[in-house]
Each structure stands twice: as C-alpha cells, then as structure tokens.
Amino acid sequence: MARFQHTVTLAPVPRRWFESCVATLHDLAEGTDAEGARLRLPDGRPLPGLVLARGRHLRPGARYRPVNEEDGKPYADQCVTVRAWDRRRETALEVVTVDGGPDHPARLDCALTLTSAERPREASLSATLAPSGGKREQYLGGTGRAHLDLGRWWQAAGHGRHPSRAPLSGTLTHALARVSVTVVPRPAPDGRWLVTVKIRARGRSVARPLLPLAAALLGRRARRACAESLDRAAGAWNARVPALVRKDGERLRAELIDALLGASRAHTETE
C-alpha cells in the first residue's frame, strides 16, 4: 500500500451562500419552458445549444442533447437524462458520452445526485469509463465514486466537533489499482479552511506485488507531484472563490444566463 497526505489552505464558502446557489440553479431550470424540443429561459429567450429530445421537461426520464451549431442537429453520442427532480428529496442527473472512434471506442457514464435542494445534505458523483474494444481494452477503463456529506463538512469546517467520518471521500478503481481518497476540513485561525487530503493506493491483480516496489522507487517523486497539483488547485480556488462568494443570488443568476447565451451571441456575430 502507498500512502500520501497533504494539507492546503482554502478560502471558505459560507453555507448560506452555497445553499442559495443550489436554489438559484433549480429556480433557473424550473423557470425554463419547453416548446416541443426547444427550451426557453424565464425571460422568453431561447436557450441555445440544448434541446429536449425525449420526455417532459424536468420529469424523470426527460432526456436532453447538445446541438451541433453548424447544422442545428442534436448530437447522438451525448445526452443528459433526469432521473429525479424533487427539491425536497432528491435531484439526480445522468450524463452519457459515447466515443465511437475506431482507435479506442468507449462509453462514459456519469451520475450526479443531490439530496434535498431546499436544504442540501448530501451529494454524490459516480463515473464509469467502459471501453468497447474487447478484453484487450479492459485496462483503459475504470470507475470513480465520490460522496460529500455536507452536514459533516460544515461541522468540521466550523468550530464543531471533529467528524467520525471524512465528510468527503472517494475511490478510483482500475483493473490494476484501487485508490481511496478522504478530505477533511478544519478552521484556520484566520477564518479560512485547512483541508487535509489523504490518499491510499493498493495494487490489484498482477500489480499487487509491484506497487510496494514502485512506491519505494518513485514514492518521493509521486508525493511531490501530488502536493504540487493540490497546491495549484488551491491557488486557483483562492484566486476565484473570494470574489465569487461576494455575489448574491440574483447577480449569479444573471451571469449564468449571460454565459448560456454567450456562445450563441458569439456564433451569431461570426456568421
């Protein structure tokens, strides 16, 4: 087994602000109307780049596809499906992307679940990459899962007692290895978050006896690379989040709509 631990300092995200963002996203989606396949924003403007391909808008089974800007036709190899949409209970989406390329055909399935948009409690993400080129391609696939207990996160990030389990945990499973990750925040003296990331890797199958050797030979270099990656991610977070959390729900909503329409305006201006 190989182990790694590193702590970074992050700008905090207020709980009320996060919950207002979740509510804003749901409000915007629910305020969008469907006229056949076409979607319209709450102010009546058409939503570019996405169509309702099947089912009723935001009902379980509703399927959406991105649109090719050149010919206006939906992409057949990408779709988003609503599995659940209940603000008091659960919001669940499934995203499927199929790569039919001749070299390494594969299918990527992602599922995102949020428990209670009104009072977010838990969020989970899973992803499975499944190559379709036969047994020889098995080493190109794998699965990933992450679970965030929001209640435990805010408790640990504040001045509550230390949680019995990590608020954020995840696993990456490959034919040759399994990686487990836990993330635990705690308050820093200046009000920011001290976030500790722990990683454990185990070899699987024929790689089981090779992992200790690889850890002995490359462990220091791998740990340094992981620490540098986390530091870069923390730097990007700290450069963006403080300004972001100062924006209220209405401003975020307006900026999101502008972002959704921006691609369409840019495309129109170049025609």
Protein backbone atom coordinates (compact mmCIF):
# COMPACT_ATOMS: atom_id res chain seq x y z
CA MET A 1 0.00 0.00 0.00
CA ALA A 2 1.15 3.53 -0.78
CA ARG A 3 0.06 6.48 1.38
CA PHE A 4 0.08 10.25 0.87
CA GLN A 5 -1.14 13.20 2.93
CA HIS A 6 -1.10 16.93 2.23
CA THR A 7 -2.85 19.99 3.68
CA VAL A 8 -3.83 23.13 1.79
CA THR A 9 -5.44 26.40 2.92
CA LEU A 10 -8.65 27.40 1.13
CA ALA A 11 -10.89 30.45 1.13
CA PRO A 12 -14.14 29.44 2.87
CA VAL A 13 -17.55 29.10 1.24
CA PRO A 14 -20.41 30.24 3.52
CA ARG A 15 -23.11 27.62 3.92
CA ARG A 16 -25.95 30.06 3.22
CA TRP A 17 -24.25 31.22 0.04
CA PHE A 18 -23.81 27.65 -1.18
CA GLU A 19 -27.42 26.80 -0.45
CA SER A 20 -28.61 29.95 -2.25
CA CYS A 21 -26.58 28.89 -5.32
CA VAL A 22 -28.25 25.47 -5.33
CA ALA A 23 -31.65 27.13 -5.07
CA THR A 24 -30.77 29.58 -7.87
CA LEU A 25 -29.78 26.76 -10.23
CA HIS A 26 -33.03 24.92 -9.52
CA ASP A 27 -35.08 28.11 -9.93
CA LEU A 28 -33.47 28.79 -13.31
CA ALA A 29 -34.06 25.23 -14.53
CA GLU A 30 -37.66 25.20 -13.31
CA GLY A 31 -38.32 28.62 -14.84
CA THR A 32 -37.21 27.35 -18.24
CA ASP A 33 -40.09 26.29 -20.51
CA ALA A 34 -40.14 23.65 -23.22
CA GLU A 35 -41.92 24.27 -26.52
CA GLY A 36 -41.57 20.94 -28.22
CA ALA A 37 -37.84 20.31 -28.32
CA ARG A 38 -36.89 23.97 -27.92
CA LEU A 39 -36.12 25.39 -24.48
CA ARG A 40 -36.77 28.99 -23.44
CA LEU A 41 -35.29 30.87 -20.50
CA PRO A 42 -37.62 32.53 -17.95
CA ASP A 43 -37.43 35.82 -19.89
CA GLY A 44 -38.57 34.11 -23.11
CA ARG A 45 -35.23 33.99 -24.90
CA PRO A 46 -34.36 30.63 -26.49
CA LEU A 47 -31.74 28.55 -24.72
CA PRO A 48 -29.05 27.76 -27.28
CA GLY A 49 -27.09 24.57 -27.57
CA LEU A 50 -29.53 22.21 -25.87
CA VAL A 51 -32.81 20.54 -26.85
CA LEU A 52 -35.34 18.31 -25.13
CA ALA A 53 -35.01 15.04 -27.04
CA ARG A 54 -37.44 12.88 -25.06
CA GLY A 55 -39.96 13.08 -22.24
CA ARG A 56 -41.39 16.05 -20.34
CA HIS A 57 -39.19 18.87 -19.14
CA LEU A 58 -37.55 18.08 -15.75
CA ARG A 59 -39.66 14.97 -15.25
CA PRO A 60 -37.95 11.63 -14.58
CA GLY A 61 -36.88 10.19 -17.93
CA ALA A 62 -36.55 13.58 -19.65
CA ARG A 63 -33.55 13.45 -21.99
CA TYR A 64 -31.61 16.44 -23.31
CA ARG A 65 -29.00 16.57 -26.05
CA PRO A 66 -26.48 19.26 -27.04
CA VAL A 67 -26.88 20.72 -30.51
CA ASN A 68 -24.35 20.95 -33.30
CA GLU A 69 -24.11 24.69 -34.07
CA GLU A 70 -23.25 24.07 -37.73
CA ASP A 71 -26.32 22.08 -38.79
CA GLY A 72 -28.60 22.54 -35.75
CA LYS A 73 -28.93 18.78 -35.23
CA PRO A 74 -28.62 17.16 -31.78
CA TYR A 75 -25.55 15.09 -31.08
CA ALA A 76 -26.44 11.40 -30.97
CA ASP A 77 -23.46 10.48 -28.81
CA GLN A 78 -24.15 12.80 -25.85
CA CYS A 79 -27.17 13.11 -23.58
CA VAL A 80 -28.31 14.22 -20.14
CA THR A 81 -31.17 12.31 -18.50
CA VAL A 82 -33.19 13.40 -15.48
CA ARG A 83 -33.50 10.53 -13.02
CA ALA A 84 -35.15 12.52 -10.22
CA TRP A 85 -36.24 16.14 -9.70
CA ASP A 86 -37.76 16.84 -6.32
CA ARG A 87 -36.43 19.86 -4.43
CA ARG A 88 -37.46 18.44 -1.05
CA ARG A 89 -36.00 14.99 -1.66
CA GLU A 90 -33.57 14.36 -4.47
CA THR A 91 -32.18 15.72 -7.71
CA ALA A 92 -30.42 13.15 -9.89
CA LEU A 93 -28.93 13.51 -13.37
CA GLU A 94 -27.18 11.03 -15.64
CA VAL A 95 -24.73 12.15 -18.34
CA VAL A 96 -23.67 9.70 -21.07
CA THR A 97 -20.98 10.27 -23.67
CA VAL A 98 -20.16 7.67 -26.31
CA ASP A 99 -16.89 7.79 -28.22
CA GLY A 100 -17.23 5.70 -31.34
CA GLY A 101 -13.71 6.36 -32.61
CA PRO A 102 -12.01 3.42 -34.31
CA ASP A 103 -8.93 3.51 -32.07
CA HIS A 104 -10.44 3.19 -28.58
CA PRO A 105 -14.27 3.19 -28.64
CA ALA A 106 -15.70 3.74 -25.16
CA ARG A 107 -18.71 4.90 -23.17
CA LEU A 108 -18.55 7.28 -20.20
CA ASP A 109 -21.48 7.21 -17.75
CA CYS A 110 -21.67 9.87 -15.03
CA ALA A 111 -24.34 10.19 -12.35
CA LEU A 112 -24.81 13.19 -10.05
CA THR A 113 -27.17 13.09 -7.07
CA LEU A 114 -28.10 15.80 -4.57
CA THR A 115 -30.22 15.10 -1.52
CA SER A 116 -32.67 17.95 -0.92
CA ALA A 117 -32.12 21.16 -2.89
CA GLU A 118 -34.06 23.08 -0.24
CA ARG A 119 -31.58 22.05 2.45
CA PRO A 120 -28.64 20.29 0.77
CA ARG A 121 -27.45 17.39 2.90
CA GLU A 122 -25.52 15.03 0.66
CA ALA A 123 -24.08 14.95 -2.85
CA SER A 124 -22.56 12.07 -4.76
CA LEU A 125 -20.87 11.60 -8.10
CA SER A 126 -20.04 8.39 -9.92
CA ALA A 127 -18.37 7.81 -13.26
CA THR A 128 -17.68 4.66 -15.24
CA LEU A 129 -15.48 4.50 -18.33
CA ALA A 130 -16.21 1.30 -20.25
CA PRO A 131 -14.16 0.59 -23.38
CA SER A 132 -15.99 -1.42 -26.03
CA GLY A 133 -12.98 -2.83 -27.85
CA GLY A 134 -12.92 -6.23 -26.15
CA LYS A 135 -10.79 -7.73 -23.39
CA ARG A 136 -7.63 -6.08 -24.61
CA GLU A 137 -9.14 -2.70 -23.71
CA GLN A 138 -10.02 -3.54 -20.09
CA TYR A 139 -7.01 -1.62 -18.76
CA LEU A 140 -8.30 1.61 -20.35
CA GLY A 141 -11.47 1.65 -18.25
CA GLY A 142 -12.33 2.14 -14.61
CA THR A 143 -14.80 3.61 -12.15
CA GLY A 144 -14.78 6.58 -9.81
CA ARG A 145 -17.09 7.48 -6.93
CA ALA A 146 -17.24 10.44 -4.58
CA HIS A 147 -19.56 11.24 -1.67
CA LEU A 148 -19.89 14.54 0.18
CA ASP A 149 -21.74 14.77 3.48
CA LEU A 150 -22.50 18.47 3.60
CA GLY A 151 -23.61 18.43 7.23
CA ARG A 152 -20.32 16.89 8.34
CA TRP A 153 -18.39 19.28 6.10
CA TRP A 154 -19.87 22.43 7.65
CA GLN A 155 -19.47 20.93 11.11
CA ALA A 156 -15.79 20.16 10.55
CA ALA A 157 -15.10 23.45 8.76
CA GLY A 158 -16.66 25.41 11.60
CA HIS A 159 -15.98 25.00 15.27
CA GLY A 160 -17.99 21.85 15.85
CA ARG A 161 -16.52 18.55 16.98
CA HIS A 162 -14.31 16.53 14.67
CA PRO A 163 -16.47 14.25 12.45
CA SER A 164 -16.27 10.49 12.97
CA ARG A 165 -16.00 10.01 9.20
CA ALA A 166 -14.42 12.14 6.50
CA PRO A 167 -17.03 14.50 5.03
CA LEU A 168 -15.67 13.96 1.53
CA SER A 169 -14.48 10.56 0.36
CA GLY A 170 -13.95 8.85 -2.94
CA THR A 171 -12.49 5.83 -4.71
CA LEU A 172 -10.92 5.22 -8.08
CA THR A 173 -10.95 1.60 -9.20
CA HIS A 174 -8.89 0.28 -12.09
CA ALA A 175 -8.04 -3.27 -13.15
CA LEU A 176 -4.56 -2.80 -11.67
CA ALA A 177 -5.12 -0.48 -8.70
CA ARG A 178 -7.61 0.96 -6.26
CA VAL A 179 -7.14 4.46 -4.85
CA SER A 180 -9.05 5.78 -1.82
CA VAL A 181 -9.23 9.49 -1.02
CA THR A 182 -10.54 11.30 2.05
CA VAL A 183 -10.82 15.06 2.54
CA VAL A 184 -11.34 16.70 5.93
CA PRO A 185 -11.51 20.47 6.61
CA ARG A 186 -10.86 22.28 9.85
CA PRO A 187 -10.96 26.00 10.69
CA ALA A 188 -7.76 28.01 10.42
CA PRO A 189 -7.09 30.84 12.90
CA ASP A 190 -7.75 33.45 10.20
CA GLY A 191 -11.16 32.01 9.26
CA ARG A 192 -10.05 30.09 6.21
CA TRP A 193 -10.18 26.30 5.83
CA LEU A 194 -7.27 23.94 6.43
CA VAL A 195 -8.13 21.00 4.21
CA THR A 196 -6.25 17.73 4.60
CA VAL A 197 -6.24 15.25 1.73
CA LYS A 198 -5.25 11.63 2.38
CA ILE A 199 -4.66 9.14 -0.42
CA ARG A 200 -4.14 5.40 -0.19
CA ALA A 201 -3.33 3.20 -3.18
CA ARG A 202 -3.45 -0.59 -3.37
CA GLY A 203 -2.33 -2.77 -6.24
CA ARG A 204 -4.79 -5.23 -7.77
CA SER A 205 -4.34 -8.40 -9.81
CA VAL A 206 -0.83 -8.71 -11.27
CA ALA A 207 0.06 -5.21 -9.99
CA ARG A 208 -0.42 -6.12 -6.32
CA PRO A 209 3.19 -7.19 -5.66
CA LEU A 210 4.57 -4.40 -7.88
CA LEU A 211 3.04 -1.44 -6.04
CA PRO A 212 5.37 -1.57 -2.99
CA LEU A 213 8.36 -1.63 -5.34
CA ALA A 214 7.02 1.29 -7.37
CA ALA A 215 6.30 3.21 -4.15
CA ALA A 216 9.88 2.63 -2.98
CA LEU A 217 11.39 3.76 -6.26
CA LEU A 218 9.04 6.61 -7.20
CA GLY A 219 7.35 7.45 -3.91
CA ARG A 220 9.14 10.72 -3.20
CA ARG A 221 8.67 12.00 -6.74
CA ALA A 222 4.99 10.95 -6.82
CA ARG A 223 4.29 12.60 -3.45
CA ARG A 224 5.93 15.82 -4.61
CA ALA A 225 3.88 15.79 -7.82
CA CYS A 226 0.65 15.22 -5.86
CA ALA A 227 1.47 18.01 -3.41
CA GLU A 228 2.26 20.42 -6.25
CA SER A 229 -1.01 19.55 -8.00
CA LEU A 230 -3.01 20.17 -4.83
CA ASP A 231 -1.20 23.46 -4.23
CA ARG A 232 -2.01 24.61 -7.77
CA ALA A 233 -5.66 23.66 -7.32
CA ALA A 234 -5.75 25.55 -4.02
CA GLY A 235 -4.19 28.60 -5.69
CA ALA A 236 -6.85 28.56 -8.41
CA TRP A 237 -9.60 28.18 -5.76
CA ASN A 238 -8.27 31.09 -3.69
CA ALA A 239 -7.96 33.29 -6.76
CA ARG A 240 -11.64 32.84 -7.71
CA VAL A 241 -13.75 31.97 -4.68
CA PRO A 242 -13.47 35.17 -2.55
CA ALA A 243 -14.90 37.33 -5.36
CA LEU A 244 -17.49 34.69 -6.22
CA VAL A 245 -18.98 34.41 -2.73
CA ARG A 246 -19.50 38.17 -2.59
CA LYS A 247 -22.09 37.91 -5.37
CA ASP A 248 -25.72 37.43 -4.40
CA GLY A 249 -28.16 35.01 -5.99
CA GLU A 250 -29.61 37.50 -8.47
CA ARG A 251 -26.22 38.50 -9.80
CA LEU A 252 -25.14 34.87 -10.12
CA ARG A 253 -28.38 34.08 -11.95
CA ALA A 254 -27.82 36.95 -14.39
CA GLU A 255 -24.21 35.91 -15.03
CA LEU A 256 -25.26 32.31 -15.59
CA ILE A 257 -27.85 33.35 -18.16
CA ASP A 258 -25.27 35.55 -19.88
CA ALA A 259 -22.89 32.59 -20.00
CA LEU A 260 -25.57 30.36 -21.50
CA LEU A 261 -26.37 32.95 -24.16
CA GLY A 262 -22.77 33.98 -24.78
CA ALA A 263 -21.95 31.04 -27.04
CA SER A 264 -24.99 31.79 -29.17
CA ARG A 265 -24.14 35.50 -29.49
CA ALA A 266 -20.54 34.72 -30.41
CA HIS A 267 -21.70 32.28 -33.06
CA THR A 268 -24.18 34.80 -34.49
CA GLU A 269 -21.58 37.58 -34.65
CA THR A 270 -19.19 35.41 -36.65
CA GLU A 271 -21.76 34.46 -39.28
